[in-house]
């Protein structure tokens, strides 16, 4: 089974997943990313303090996709 890594981007900070998860396919990784993003949503700050947040999913072959909260007008420095 392929290993999927779920890196967390919180504004400008990136927290790489060093362990990864072995999942059957990309669909399973998409579901896992959605669950992770839902968990992040429980801690969304007040509107004036919001910044983009994302789960960036990759394998050893490179990036696959990103699940994100993107707020219009939120600061971006990437």
Protein backbone atom coordinates (compact mmCIF):
# COMPACT_ATOMS: atom_id res chain seq x y z
CA UNK A 1 0.00 0.00 0.00
CA UNK A 2 1.22 3.51 -0.72
CA UNK A 3 2.22 5.81 2.10
CA UNK A 4 0.47 9.21 2.17
CA UNK A 5 1.84 12.19 4.10
CA UNK A 6 -0.48 14.86 5.50
CA UNK A 7 1.44 18.11 5.95
CA UNK A 8 -0.36 20.89 7.81
CA UNK A 9 -0.08 24.47 6.59
CA UNK A 10 -1.25 27.07 9.11
CA UNK A 11 -0.77 30.51 7.58
CA UNK A 12 2.93 30.70 6.72
CA UNK A 13 3.89 27.79 8.99
CA UNK A 14 4.30 24.30 7.54
CA UNK A 15 4.24 21.25 9.80
CA UNK A 16 5.45 18.26 7.75
CA UNK A 17 4.11 14.79 8.45
CA UNK A 18 7.18 12.66 9.12
CA UNK A 19 5.34 9.33 9.57
CA UNK A 20 2.58 9.16 6.97
CA UNK A 21 -0.22 6.63 6.72
CA UNK A 22 -0.44 3.55 4.56
CA UNK A 23 -3.77 3.75 2.76
CA UNK A 24 -5.32 1.73 -0.03
CA UNK A 25 -5.67 4.57 -2.55
CA UNK A 26 -5.96 8.30 -3.14
CA UNK A 27 -9.68 8.24 -2.33
CA UNK A 28 -8.85 7.01 1.18
CA UNK A 29 -6.26 9.81 1.46
CA UNK A 30 -8.87 12.37 0.37
CA UNK A 31 -11.23 11.17 3.11
CA UNK A 32 -8.43 11.31 5.70
CA UNK A 33 -7.51 14.86 4.61
CA UNK A 34 -11.16 15.93 4.90
CA UNK A 35 -11.34 14.54 8.44
CA UNK A 36 -8.12 16.35 9.35
CA UNK A 37 -9.43 19.60 7.93
CA UNK A 38 -12.68 19.18 9.85
CA UNK A 39 -10.65 18.80 13.05
CA UNK A 40 -8.78 22.00 12.23
CA UNK A 41 -12.11 23.78 11.71
CA UNK A 42 -12.96 23.30 15.37
CA UNK A 43 -10.19 25.76 16.23
CA UNK A 44 -10.76 28.48 13.62
CA UNK A 45 -9.94 31.87 15.13
CA UNK A 46 -12.12 34.99 15.04
CA UNK A 47 -12.62 36.47 11.55
CA UNK A 48 -10.07 39.25 12.03
CA UNK A 49 -7.39 36.68 12.97
CA UNK A 50 -8.01 34.13 10.23
CA UNK A 51 -5.41 32.96 7.77
CA UNK A 52 -5.37 30.18 5.22
CA UNK A 53 -5.15 26.63 6.56
CA UNK A 54 -4.59 23.47 4.57
CA UNK A 55 -3.78 19.79 4.62
CA UNK A 56 -1.27 19.17 1.84
CA UNK A 57 -1.16 15.52 0.82
CA UNK A 58 1.87 13.91 -0.82
CA UNK A 59 3.49 10.55 -1.42
CA UNK A 60 7.16 9.74 -1.90
CA UNK A 61 6.58 10.67 -5.56
CA UNK A 62 5.52 14.24 -4.73
CA UNK A 63 2.43 16.37 -4.00
CA UNK A 64 -1.04 15.04 -4.84
CA UNK A 65 -3.63 17.53 -3.62
CA UNK A 66 -4.56 20.08 -0.97
CA UNK A 67 -7.69 20.40 1.18
CA UNK A 68 -7.97 23.98 2.44
CA UNK A 69 -9.81 26.81 4.12
CA UNK A 70 -9.08 29.90 2.07
CA UNK A 71 -10.39 33.20 3.35
CA UNK A 72 -10.75 36.18 0.99
CA UNK A 73 -8.64 39.03 2.26
CA UNK A 74 -6.62 36.81 4.61
CA UNK A 75 -2.87 37.44 4.51
CA UNK A 76 -0.81 35.21 2.26
CA UNK A 77 2.95 35.25 2.13
CA UNK A 78 3.66 32.29 -0.15
